[in-house]
C-alpha atoms as a PDB file:
ATOM      1  CA  MET A   1      95.949  84.601 191.235  1.00  0.00           C
ATOM      2  CA  GLU A   2      94.556  88.042 191.957  1.00  0.00           C
ATOM      3  CA  LYS A   3      93.204  88.404 188.425  1.00  0.00           C
ATOM      4  CA  ILE A   4      91.424  85.058 188.614  1.00  0.00           C
ATOM      5  CA  THR A   5      89.787  85.983 191.930  1.00  0.00           C
ATOM      6  CA  VAL A   6      88.392  89.203 190.509  1.00  0.00           C
ATOM      7  CA  THR A   7      86.938  87.354 187.520  1.00  0.00           C
ATOM      8  CA  ILE A   8      85.211  84.813 189.729  1.00  0.00           C
ATOM      9  CA  ASN A   9      83.671  87.569 191.878  1.00  0.00           C
ATOM     10  CA  GLN A  10      82.327  89.371 188.811  1.00  0.00           C
ATOM     11  CA  LYS A  11      80.695  86.178 187.556  1.00  0.00           C
ATOM     12  CA  THR A  12      79.197  85.535 190.980  1.00  0.00           C
ATOM     13  CA  ILE A  13      77.721  89.023 191.154  1.00  0.00           C
ATOM     14  CA  LEU A  14      76.290  88.639 187.647  1.00  0.00           C
ATOM     15  CA  ILE A  15      74.624  85.350 188.557  1.00  0.00           C
ATOM     16  CA  VAL A  16      73.118  86.850 191.716  1.00  0.00           C
ATOM     17  CA  ILE A  17      71.707  89.772 189.721  1.00  0.00           C
ATOM     18  CA  ILE A  18      70.129  87.411 187.153  1.00  0.00           C
ATOM     19  CA  VAL A  19      68.558  85.311 189.939  1.00  0.00           C
ATOM     20  CA  LEU A  20      67.109  88.418 191.621  1.00  0.00           C
ATOM     21  CA  ILE A  21      65.637  89.678 188.357  1.00  0.00           C
ATOM     22  CA  ALA A  22      64.042  86.269 187.658  1.00  0.00           C
ATOM     23  CA  ALA A  23      62.596  86.154 191.167  1.00  0.00           C
ATOM     24  CA  SER A  24      61.125  89.632 190.728  1.00  0.00           C
ATOM     25  CA  PHE A  25      59.405  88.625 187.493  1.00  0.00           C
ATOM     26  CA  ALA A  26      58.011  85.516 189.188  1.00  0.00           C
ATOM     27  CA  PHE A  27      56.625  87.585 192.072  1.00  0.00           C
ATOM     28  CA  LEU A  28      54.999  90.102 189.735  1.00  0.00           C
ATOM     29  CA  ALA A  29      53.475  87.318 187.653  1.00  0.00           C
ATOM     30  CA  GLY A  30      52.004  85.816 190.805  1.00  0.00           C
ATOM     31  CA  GLN A  31      50.515  89.146 191.826  1.00  0.00           C
ATOM     32  CA  TYR A  32      48.980  89.591 188.364  1.00  0.00           C
ATOM     33  CA  THR A  33      47.422  86.132 188.527  1.00  0.00           C
ATOM     34  CA  LYS A  34      45.820  86.967 191.879  1.00  0.00           C
ATOM     35  CA  GLN A  35      44.254  90.140 190.523  1.00  0.00           C
ATOM     36  CA  GLY A  36      43.585  89.016 186.972  1.00  0.00           C
ATOM     37  CA  THR A  37      40.255  88.448 185.303  1.00  0.00           C
ATOM     38  CA  VAL A  38      39.965  84.683 185.591  1.00  0.00           C
ATOM     39  CA  SER A  39      40.820  82.269 188.361  1.00  0.00           C
ATOM     40  CA  GLU A  40      42.129  78.965 187.011  1.00  0.00           C
ATOM     41  CA  ALA A  41      40.942  77.238 190.182  1.00  0.00           C
ATOM     42  CA  ASP A  42      37.228  77.839 189.739  1.00  0.00           C
ATOM     43  CA  GLY A  43      36.809  79.694 186.450  1.00  0.00           C
ATOM     44  CA  SER A  44      35.068  82.602 188.156  1.00  0.00           C
ATOM     45  CA  ALA A  45      35.706  86.248 187.389  1.00  0.00           C
ATOM     46  CA  LYS A  46      38.238  87.842 189.729  1.00  0.00           C
ATOM     47  CA  ILE A  47      38.065  91.592 189.484  1.00  0.00           C
ATOM     48  CA  GLY A  48      40.048  92.111 192.708  1.00  0.00           C
ATOM     49  CA  ASN A  49      39.931  95.698 193.857  1.00  0.00           C
ATOM     50  CA  SER A  50      38.890  97.089 190.480  1.00  0.00           C
ATOM     51  CA  SER A  51      35.224  97.443 191.393  1.00  0.00           C
ATOM     52  CA  SER A  52      35.237 100.763 189.565  1.00  0.00           C
ATOM     53  CA  GLN A  53      35.166  98.693 186.367  1.00  0.00           C
ATOM     54  CA  ILE A  54      31.503  98.012 187.124  1.00  0.00           C
ATOM     55  CA  GLU A  55      29.919 101.432 187.473  1.00  0.00           C
ATOM     56  CA  SER A  56      27.017 101.490 189.919  1.00  0.00           C
ATOM     57  CA  SER A  57      24.865 104.075 188.113  1.00  0.00           C
ATOM     58  CA  ALA A  58      25.099 102.102 184.863  1.00  0.00           C
ATOM     59  CA  ILE A  59      23.992  98.907 186.630  1.00  0.00           C
ATOM     60  CA  MET A  60      21.136 100.788 188.286  1.00  0.00           C
ATOM     61  CA  ALA A  61      19.953 102.097 184.927  1.00  0.00           C
ATOM     62  CA  GLU A  62      19.888  98.515 183.640  1.00  0.00           C
ATOM     63  CA  ILE A  63      17.675  97.143 186.425  1.00  0.00           C
ATOM     64  CA  ASN A  64      15.579 100.298 186.996  1.00  0.00           C
ATOM     65  CA  PRO A  65      15.421 102.011 183.585  1.00  0.00           C
ATOM     66  CA  PRO A  66      14.854 105.754 184.210  1.00  0.00           C
ATOM     67  CA  GLU A  67      12.214 105.746 181.465  1.00  0.00           C
ATOM     68  CA  GLY A  68      10.517 102.751 183.093  1.00  0.00           C
ATOM     69  CA  TYR A  69       9.617  99.272 181.897  1.00  0.00           C
ATOM     70  CA  GLU A  70       6.391  98.751 179.934  1.00  0.00           C
ATOM     71  CA  ILE A  71       4.428  95.588 180.713  1.00  0.00           C
ATOM     72  CA  ASN A  72       2.346  93.614 178.238  1.00  0.00           C
ATOM     73  CA  ALA A  73      -0.968  94.435 179.944  1.00  0.00           C
ATOM     74  CA  THR A  74      -3.266  97.423 180.444  1.00  0.00           C
ATOM     75  CA  TYR A  75      -4.941  98.626 183.637  1.00  0.00           C
ATOM     76  CA  GLY A  76      -8.375  98.190 182.110  1.00  0.00           C
ATOM     77  CA  ASP A  77     -11.214  98.577 184.609  1.00  0.00           C
ATOM     78  CA  ALA A  78      -9.362  96.918 187.516  1.00  0.00           C
ATOM     79  CA  GLY A  79      -9.232 100.196 189.474  1.00  0.00           C
ATOM     80  CA  PRO A  80     -12.987 100.938 189.426  1.00  0.00           C
ATOM     81  CA  LYS A  81     -13.712  97.285 190.270  1.00  0.00           C
ATOM     82  CA  LEU A  82     -11.397  97.418 193.282  1.00  0.00           C
ATOM     83  CA  LEU A  83     -13.175 100.542 194.504  1.00  0.00           C
ATOM     84  CA  ALA A  84     -16.638  99.094 193.843  1.00  0.00           C
ATOM     85  CA  SER A  85     -15.815  95.889 195.714  1.00  0.00           C
ATOM     86  CA  GLY A  86     -14.403  97.780 198.694  1.00  0.00           C
ATOM     87  CA  ALA A  87     -11.018  96.104 198.376  1.00  0.00           C
ATOM     88  CA  ILE A  88      -9.613  99.632 198.075  1.00  0.00           C
ATOM     89  CA  ASP A  89     -11.053 102.465 200.131  1.00  0.00           C
ATOM     90  CA  LEU A  90     -10.131 105.477 198.012  1.00  0.00           C
ATOM     91  CA  GLU A  91      -9.779 107.902 200.934  1.00  0.00           C
ATOM     92  CA  LYS A  92      -7.522 105.520 202.882  1.00  0.00           C
ATOM     93  CA  PHE A  93      -5.495 104.867 199.751  1.00  0.00           C
ATOM     94  CA  LYS A  94      -5.037 108.571 199.037  1.00  0.00           C
ATOM     95  CA  LYS A  95      -4.100 109.294 202.657  1.00  0.00           C
ATOM     96  CA  VAL A  96      -1.272 106.731 202.662  1.00  0.00           C
ATOM     97  CA  TYR A  97       0.376 108.438 199.702  1.00  0.00           C
ATOM     98  CA  GLU A  98      -0.161 111.926 201.089  1.00  0.00           C
ATOM     99  CA  GLN A  99       1.482 110.896 204.369  1.00  0.00           C
ATOM    100  CA  SER A 100       4.438 109.398 202.502  1.00  0.00           C
ATOM    101  CA  GLY A 101       5.020 112.656 200.637  1.00  0.00           C
ATOM    102  CA  GLN A 102       4.016 111.046 197.335  1.00  0.00           C
ATOM    103  CA  PRO A 103       0.414 112.163 196.752  1.00  0.00           C
ATOM    104  CA  LEU A 104      -1.413 110.366 193.967  1.00  0.00           C
ATOM    105  CA  THR A 105      -1.123 112.015 190.571  1.00  0.00           C
ATOM    106  CA  GLN A 106      -4.175 112.781 188.481  1.00  0.00           C
ATOM    107  CA  GLU A 107      -3.205 109.908 186.211  1.00  0.00           C
ATOM    108  CA  GLN A 108      -3.176 107.499 189.154  1.00  0.00           C
ATOM    109  CA  LEU A 109      -6.518 108.792 190.422  1.00  0.00           C
ATOM    110  CA  ASP A 110      -7.966 108.235 186.944  1.00  0.00           C
ATOM    111  CA  ILE A 111      -6.607 104.664 186.890  1.00  0.00           C
ATOM    112  CA  LEU A 112      -8.467 104.026 190.145  1.00  0.00           C
ATOM    113  CA  THR A 113     -11.700 105.848 189.424  1.00  0.00           C
ATOM    114  CA  LYS A 114     -12.119 105.642 185.643  1.00  0.00           C
ATOM    115  CA  GLY A 115      -9.853 102.820 184.508  1.00  0.00           C
ATOM    116  CA  SER A 116      -7.294 103.128 181.735  1.00  0.00           C
ATOM    117  CA  ASP A 117      -6.448 101.518 178.418  1.00  0.00           C
ATOM    118  CA  GLN A 118      -2.791 102.489 178.677  1.00  0.00           C
ATOM    119  CA  LYS A 119      -0.123  99.844 179.147  1.00  0.00           C
ATOM    120  CA  ILE A 120       1.124  99.395 182.686  1.00  0.00           C
ATOM    121  CA  LYS A 121       4.581 100.892 183.007  1.00  0.00           C
ATOM    122  CA  ILE A 122       6.644 100.712 186.173  1.00  0.00           C
ATOM    123  CA  THR A 123       8.957 103.650 186.804  1.00  0.00           C
ATOM    124  CA  PRO A 124      11.014 104.944 189.738  1.00  0.00           C
ATOM    125  CA  GLN A 125       8.162 107.377 190.397  1.00  0.00           C
ATOM    126  CA  ASN A 126       5.201 104.943 190.434  1.00  0.00           C
ATOM    127  CA  SER A 127       6.684 101.691 191.795  1.00  0.00           C
ATOM    128  CA  TYR A 128       5.151 102.384 195.221  1.00  0.00           C
ATOM    129  CA  PHE A 129       1.725 103.066 193.709  1.00  0.00           C
ATOM    130  CA  LEU A 130       1.894  99.867 191.664  1.00  0.00           C
ATOM    131  CA  LEU A 131       2.917  97.759 194.652  1.00  0.00           C
ATOM    132  CA  ASN A 132      -0.235  98.619 196.590  1.00  0.00           C
ATOM    133  CA  PHE A 133      -2.498  98.669 193.538  1.00  0.00           C
ATOM    134  CA  LEU A 134      -1.367  95.188 192.448  1.00  0.00           C
ATOM    135  CA  TRP A 135      -1.478  93.921 196.034  1.00  0.00           C
ATOM    136  CA  ALA A 136      -5.199  94.739 196.063  1.00  0.00           C
ATOM    137  CA  VAL A 137      -5.681  92.984 192.693  1.00  0.00           C
ATOM    138  CA  GLY A 138      -3.950  89.819 193.904  1.00  0.00           C
ATOM    139  CA  LEU A 139      -5.875  89.772 197.172  1.00  0.00           C
ATOM    140  CA  ALA A 140      -9.362  90.391 195.784  1.00  0.00           C
ATOM    141  CA  ASN A 141      -9.270  88.660 192.393  1.00  0.00           C
ATOM    142  CA  LYS A 142     -10.798  85.185 192.449  1.00  0.00           C
ATOM    143  CA  ASN A 143      -8.324  82.488 191.457  1.00  0.00           C
ATOM    144  CA  LYS A 144      -7.674  78.874 192.366  1.00  0.00           C
ATOM    145  CA  ILE A 145      -4.133  79.717 193.479  1.00  0.00           C
ATOM    146  CA  LEU A 146      -5.741  81.436 196.476  1.00  0.00           C
ATOM    147  CA  ASP A 147      -8.669  79.030 196.806  1.00  0.00           C
ATOM    148  CA  GLU A 148      -6.747  75.755 196.556  1.00  0.00           C
ATOM    149  CA  GLY A 149      -3.055  76.544 196.868  1.00  0.00           C
ATOM    150  CA  GLN A 150      -0.469  77.004 199.600  1.00  0.00           C
ATOM    151  CA  MET A 151      -2.288  79.852 201.331  1.00  0.00           C
ATOM    152  CA  MET A 152      -5.043  77.382 202.158  1.00  0.00           C
ATOM    153  CA  LYS A 153      -2.595  74.558 202.832  1.00  0.00           C
ATOM    154  CA  TYR A 154      -0.707  76.535 205.473  1.00  0.00           C
ATOM    155  CA  GLY A 155      -3.458  78.841 206.704  1.00  0.00           C
ATOM    156  CA  GLY A 156      -6.809  77.292 205.939  1.00  0.00           C
ATOM    157  CA  VAL A 157     -10.088  79.171 205.943  1.00  0.00           C
ATOM    158  CA  GLU A 158      -9.759  80.000 209.638  1.00  0.00           C
ATOM    159  CA  LYS A 159      -6.220  81.409 209.551  1.00  0.00           C
ATOM    160  CA  VAL A 160      -5.826  82.767 206.029  1.00  0.00           C
ATOM    161  CA  GLY A 161      -6.083  86.278 207.465  1.00  0.00           C
ATOM    162  CA  ASN A 162      -2.928  85.797 209.534  1.00  0.00           C
ATOM    163  CA  PHE A 163      -0.448  86.229 206.684  1.00  0.00           C
ATOM    164  CA  ALA A 164       1.323  89.521 206.008  1.00  0.00           C
ATOM    165  CA  SER A 165      -0.417  89.775 202.644  1.00  0.00           C
ATOM    166  CA  THR A 166      -3.868  89.502 204.207  1.00  0.00           C
ATOM    167  CA  GLY A 167      -3.630  90.861 207.741  1.00  0.00           C
ATOM    168  CA  GLY A 168      -1.346  93.613 206.497  1.00  0.00           C
ATOM    169  CA  TRP A 169      -3.814  94.977 203.935  1.00  0.00           C
ATOM    170  CA  THR A 170      -5.410  97.925 205.771  1.00  0.00           C
ATOM    171  CA  LEU A 171      -6.611  99.988 202.809  1.00  0.00           C
ATOM    172  CA  ALA A 172      -9.948  98.209 202.277  1.00  0.00           C
ATOM    173  CA  LYS A 173     -13.394  99.197 203.512  1.00  0.00           C
ATOM    174  CA  SER A 174     -13.296  96.354 206.052  1.00  0.00           C
ATOM    175  CA  LYS A 175     -10.975  93.483 207.007  1.00  0.00           C
ATOM    176  CA  ALA A 176      -8.918  91.927 204.225  1.00  0.00           C
ATOM    177  CA  THR A 177     -10.508  88.472 204.457  1.00  0.00           C
ATOM    178  CA  ASP A 178     -13.817  89.980 203.339  1.00  0.00           C
ATOM    179  CA  TYR A 179     -12.218  90.401 199.904  1.00  0.00           C
ATOM    180  CA  TYR A 180      -9.921  87.365 199.712  1.00  0.00           C
ATOM    181  CA  SER A 181     -10.431  85.744 196.278  1.00  0.00           C
ATOM    182  CA  LYS A 182     -14.018  87.020 196.129  1.00  0.00           C
ATOM    183  CA  PHE A 183     -14.279  89.229 193.025  1.00  0.00           C
ATOM    184  CA  ALA A 184     -13.773  89.130 189.248  1.00  0.00           C
ATOM    185  CA  ILE A 185     -11.256  91.972 189.089  1.00  0.00           C
ATOM    186  CA  THR A 186      -9.768  90.551 185.882  1.00  0.00           C
ATOM    187  CA  LYS A 187     -11.494  88.523 183.190  1.00  0.00           C
ATOM    188  CA  ALA A 188     -11.903  84.861 184.106  1.00  0.00           C
ATOM    189  CA  LEU A 189      -8.953  82.809 182.874  1.00  0.00           C
ATOM    190  CA  SER A 190      -9.317  80.025 180.339  1.00  0.00           C
ATOM    191  CA  ALA A 191      -7.766  76.646 181.184  1.00  0.00           C
ATOM    192  CA  ASP A 192      -4.724  77.504 179.046  1.00  0.00           C
ATOM    193  CA  GLN A 193      -4.325  80.918 180.640  1.00  0.00           C
ATOM    194  CA  GLN A 194      -4.501  79.357 184.102  1.00  0.00           C
ATOM    195  CA  LYS A 195      -1.735  76.907 183.124  1.00  0.00           C
ATOM    196  CA  ILE A 196       0.446  79.806 182.025  1.00  0.00           C
ATOM    197  CA  LEU A 197      -0.249  81.630 185.293  1.00  0.00           C
ATOM    198  CA  ASP A 198       0.475  78.474 187.320  1.00  0.00           C
ATOM    199  CA  ASP A 199       3.787  77.975 185.507  1.00  0.00           C
ATOM    200  CA  PHE A 200       4.794  81.536 186.264  1.00  0.00           C
ATOM    201  CA  ALA A 201       3.558  81.586 189.868  1.00  0.00           C
ATOM    202  CA  ASN A 202       5.272  78.318 190.801  1.00  0.00           C
ATOM    203  CA  ASN A 203       8.628  79.360 189.335  1.00  0.00           C
ATOM    204  CA  ALA A 204       8.912  83.044 190.254  1.00  0.00           C
ATOM    205  CA  TYR A 205      10.401  83.590 193.722  1.00  0.00           C
ATOM    206  CA  ARG A 206      11.031  86.644 195.861  1.00  0.00           C
ATOM    207  CA  PRO A 207      14.038  87.419 198.032  1.00  0.00           C
ATOM    208  CA  CYS A 208      12.203  88.758 201.092  1.00  0.00           C
ATOM    209  CA  CYS A 209      10.936  85.361 202.249  1.00  0.00           C
ATOM    210  CA  GLY A 210      12.119  82.941 199.567  1.00  0.00           C
ATOM    211  CA  ASN A 211       8.600  81.794 198.653  1.00  0.00           C
ATOM    212  CA  SER A 212       7.147  81.517 195.177  1.00  0.00           C
ATOM    213  CA  THR A 213       4.361  83.680 193.784  1.00  0.00           C
ATOM    214  CA  ALA A 214       2.105  80.637 194.195  1.00  0.00           C
ATOM    215  CA  PHE A 215       2.462  81.187 197.963  1.00  0.00           C
ATOM    216  CA  PRO A 216       1.745  84.934 198.212  1.00  0.00           C
ATOM    217  CA  ASP A 217       2.034  85.230 201.974  1.00  0.00           C
ATOM    218  CA  CYS A 218       3.554  88.737 201.819  1.00  0.00           C
ATOM    219  CA  ASN A 219       2.556  91.914 200.008  1.00  0.00           C
ATOM    220  CA  HIS A 220       5.177  91.566 197.267  1.00  0.00           C
ATOM    221  CA  GLY A 221       4.014  88.043 196.526  1.00  0.00           C
ATOM    222  CA  MET A 222       0.356  89.050 196.410  1.00  0.00           C
ATOM    223  CA  ALA A 223       1.183  92.005 194.167  1.00  0.00           C
ATOM    224  CA  MET A 224       3.150  89.791 191.777  1.00  0.00           C
ATOM    225  CA  LEU A 225       0.232  87.348 191.685  1.00  0.00           C
ATOM    226  CA  GLY A 226      -2.067  90.248 190.831  1.00  0.00           C
ATOM    227  CA  LEU A 227       0.226  91.311 188.003  1.00  0.00           C
ATOM    228  CA  GLY A 228       0.385  87.744 186.696  1.00  0.00           C
ATOM    229  CA  GLU A 229      -3.413  87.492 186.746  1.00  0.00           C
ATOM    230  CA  MET A 230      -3.825  90.755 184.847  1.00  0.00           C
ATOM    231  CA  MET A 231      -1.275  89.678 182.246  1.00  0.00           C
ATOM    232  CA  ALA A 232      -2.681  86.145 181.858  1.00  0.00           C
ATOM    233  CA  SER A 233      -6.233  87.470 181.436  1.00  0.00           C
ATOM    234  CA  GLN A 234      -5.006  89.659 178.565  1.00  0.00           C
ATOM    235  CA  GLY A 235      -3.248  86.868 176.688  1.00  0.00           C
ATOM    236  CA  ALA A 236       0.344  87.330 177.866  1.00  0.00           C
ATOM    237  CA  SER A 237       2.737  84.398 177.593  1.00  0.00           C
ATOM    238  CA  ALA A 238       4.776  82.913 180.432  1.00  0.00           C
ATOM    239  CA  ASP A 239       7.860  84.532 178.867  1.00  0.00           C
ATOM    240  CA  ASP A 240       6.129  87.920 179.048  1.00  0.00           C
ATOM    241  CA  MET A 241       5.395  87.354 182.735  1.00  0.00           C
ATOM    242  CA  PHE A 242       8.936  86.308 183.651  1.00  0.00           C
ATOM    243  CA  GLU A 243      10.349  89.293 181.772  1.00  0.00           C
ATOM    244  CA  ALA A 244       7.967  91.610 183.641  1.00  0.00           C
ATOM    245  CA  PHE A 245       8.983  89.971 186.929  1.00  0.00           C
ATOM    246  CA  LYS A 246      12.642  90.600 186.114  1.00  0.00           C
ATOM    247  CA  TYR A 247      12.097  94.368 186.051  1.00  0.00           C
ATOM    248  CA  VAL A 248       9.182  94.856 188.449  1.00  0.00           C
ATOM    249  CA  ASN A 249      10.924  92.938 191.240  1.00  0.00           C
ATOM    250  CA  ALA A 250      14.080  94.941 190.561  1.00  0.00           C
ATOM    251  CA  PHE A 251      12.128  98.119 191.350  1.00  0.00           C
ATOM    252  CA  TRP A 252      10.749  96.559 194.547  1.00  0.00           C
ATOM    253  CA  PHE A 253      14.029  94.924 195.658  1.00  0.00           C
ATOM    254  CA  PRO A 254      16.733  97.138 194.150  1.00  0.00           C
ATOM    255  CA  GLN A 255      19.647  95.866 196.264  1.00  0.00           C
ATOM    256  CA  THR A 256      19.019  92.201 195.415  1.00  0.00           C
ATOM    257  CA  TYR A 257      18.755  92.723 191.663  1.00  0.00           C
ATOM    258  CA  PHE A 258      21.561  95.285 191.621  1.00  0.00           C
ATOM    259  CA  ASP A 259      23.723  92.509 193.110  1.00  0.00           C
ATOM    260  CA  ILE A 260      22.455  89.961 190.589  1.00  0.00           C
ATOM    261  CA  ALA A 261      23.109  92.311 187.661  1.00  0.00           C
ATOM    262  CA  THR A 262      26.614  93.067 188.977  1.00  0.00           C
ATOM    263  CA  TYR A 263      27.280  89.348 189.387  1.00  0.00           C
ATOM    264  CA  PHE A 264      26.330  88.488 185.797  1.00  0.00           C
ATOM    265  CA  LYS A 265      28.280  91.460 184.453  1.00  0.00           C
ATOM    266  CA  ALA A 266      31.418  90.435 186.369  1.00  0.00           C
ATOM    267  CA  LYS A 267      31.227  86.678 186.013  1.00  0.00           C
ATOM    268  CA  GLU A 268      29.722  86.196 182.550  1.00  0.00           C
ATOM    269  CA  GLY A 269      30.104  89.602 180.906  1.00  0.00           C
ATOM    270  CA  LYS A 270      26.309  89.828 180.438  1.00  0.00           C
ATOM    271  CA  ASP A 271      24.106  92.897 180.693  1.00  0.00           C
ATOM    272  CA  TYR A 272      20.966  92.464 182.799  1.00  0.00           C
ATOM    273  CA  LYS A 273      18.716  92.589 179.733  1.00  0.00           C
ATOM    274  CA  ASP A 274      20.523  89.587 178.262  1.00  0.00           C
ATOM    275  CA  VAL A 275      20.156  87.307 181.296  1.00  0.00           C
ATOM    276  CA  ASP A 276      17.321  84.781 180.966  1.00  0.00           C
ATOM    277  CA  ALA A 277      14.331  86.079 182.937  1.00  0.00           C
ATOM    278  CA  ARG A 278      13.208  82.636 184.123  1.00  0.00           C
ATOM    279  CA  THR A 279      16.715  82.046 185.479  1.00  0.00           C
ATOM    280  CA  ILE A 280      16.645  85.300 187.444  1.00  0.00           C
ATOM    281  CA  ALA A 281      13.154  84.563 188.799  1.00  0.00           C
ATOM    282  CA  GLY A 282      14.073  81.060 189.971  1.00  0.00           C
ATOM    283  CA  LYS A 283      15.297  79.801 193.349  1.00  0.00           C
ATOM    284  CA  GLU A 284      18.945  80.031 192.358  1.00  0.00           C
ATOM    285  CA  TYR A 285      18.885  83.827 192.231  1.00  0.00           C
ATOM    286  CA  SER A 286      15.618  85.309 193.525  1.00  0.00           C
ATOM    287  CA  ALA A 287      15.261  83.069 196.579  1.00  0.00           C
ATOM    288  CA  GLY A 288      18.104  81.687 198.717  1.00  0.00           C
ATOM    289  CA  GLY A 289      20.622  82.040 195.909  1.00  0.00           C
ATOM    290  CA  ALA A 290      20.584  85.816 196.328  1.00  0.00           C
ATOM    291  CA  ARG A 291      22.690  85.366 199.471  1.00  0.00           C
ATOM    292  CA  LEU A 292      25.279  83.327 197.573  1.00  0.00           C
ATOM    293  CA  VAL A 293      25.482  86.078 194.960  1.00  0.00           C
ATOM    294  CA  GLU A 294      26.088  88.607 197.725  1.00  0.00           C
ATOM    295  CA  GLN A 295      28.822  86.427 199.236  1.00  0.00           C
ATOM    296  CA  TRP A 296      30.549  86.072 195.853  1.00  0.00           C
ATOM    297  CA  LEU A 297      30.484  89.818 195.272  1.00  0.00           C
ATOM    298  CA  THR A 298      31.886  90.469 198.743  1.00  0.00           C
ATOM    299  CA  ALA A 299      34.692  87.951 198.238  1.00  0.00           C
ATOM    300  CA  ASN A 300      35.612  89.644 194.953  1.00  0.00           C
ATOM    301  CA  ASN A 301      35.450  93.215 196.306  1.00  0.00           C
ATOM    302  CA  LEU A 302      32.447  93.988 194.101  1.00  0.00           C
ATOM    303  CA  LYS A 303      29.737  94.483 196.712  1.00  0.00           C
ATOM    304  CA  GLN A 304      28.267  97.992 196.380  1.00  0.00           C
ATOM    305  CA  GLN A 305      25.269  99.942 197.565  1.00  0.00           C
ATOM    306  CA  PRO A 306      23.032 100.854 194.624  1.00  0.00           C
ATOM    307  CA  PRO A 307      22.165 104.496 194.034  1.00  0.00           C
ATOM    308  CA  SER A 308      18.817 105.479 195.567  1.00  0.00           C
ATOM    309  CA  SER A 309      15.722 104.176 193.807  1.00  0.00           C
ATOM    310  CA  GLY A 310      11.938 104.200 194.051  1.00  0.00           C
ATOM    311  CA  GLY A 311      11.705 100.911 195.942  1.00  0.00           C
ATOM    312  CA  SER A 312       9.222 100.671 198.823  1.00  0.00           C
ATOM    313  CA  CYS A 313       7.602  98.014 200.972  1.00  0.00           C
ATOM    314  CA  GLY A 314       4.059  99.281 200.503  1.00  0.00           C
ATOM    315  CA  VAL A 315       1.157 100.475 202.727  1.00  0.00           C
END
């Protein structure tokens, strides 16, 4: 009887050990699933705590290339025309940059006073200059988007000066409304060029206020309109404009587009350059959708502060 009892106890212990080992494997498998790369519930990327897999400096270099992003348009004589019209007071303009610790370079002074045939290129060093320069172009250049669009719908002739993009422009010879859609800063657009501009302006949004470029009620919107007008007048396509938006807005709103680039890298394995520019410019990402992107990154432990950049709010 004693021998039988010992045998039974040995078998019992063996069974218990096997059960414990199986349970341990099950637990580890569950933990792996929670921190794996794909959630079966929603198909989204789950990076868990491994945010180091997405290196912040690499993402920043994608959205704000250190060498800059060249746009399919030249400065032409826009600078001298802005000075001649009074839309830019050169001394006021220079003073703003001196006070910010970023005095205008000789190249930038030449763009304003002599014009330039070089392609516009946005870089970490000149993004602030371009924001104010293009703001003046958008404000002063005559176009039906300003004459007949949402600025008139919501402001009208009497109150059009009350928007941030108009009342906030303090670098002209006189008040901003004296220059609102009054001058031929760019070449007049053909009917086809205006259609291309309208397509771009109505479908390119900004994260600061969620409005489209067709409603340029803030400085970033007016600057993007100015860029679109310069590009359209020089024969650029809508695709060219959306691609320019994708990088220019990333210099002006680095946190938003750093988040968007991180999101696409984590969820779809795409580099920023490979994401469709019209998609990025649309409501889903550049307007209210930017908040959803931020929430997703936070939930997946991927929310990061981008390295410092040349972004600025202008004036």
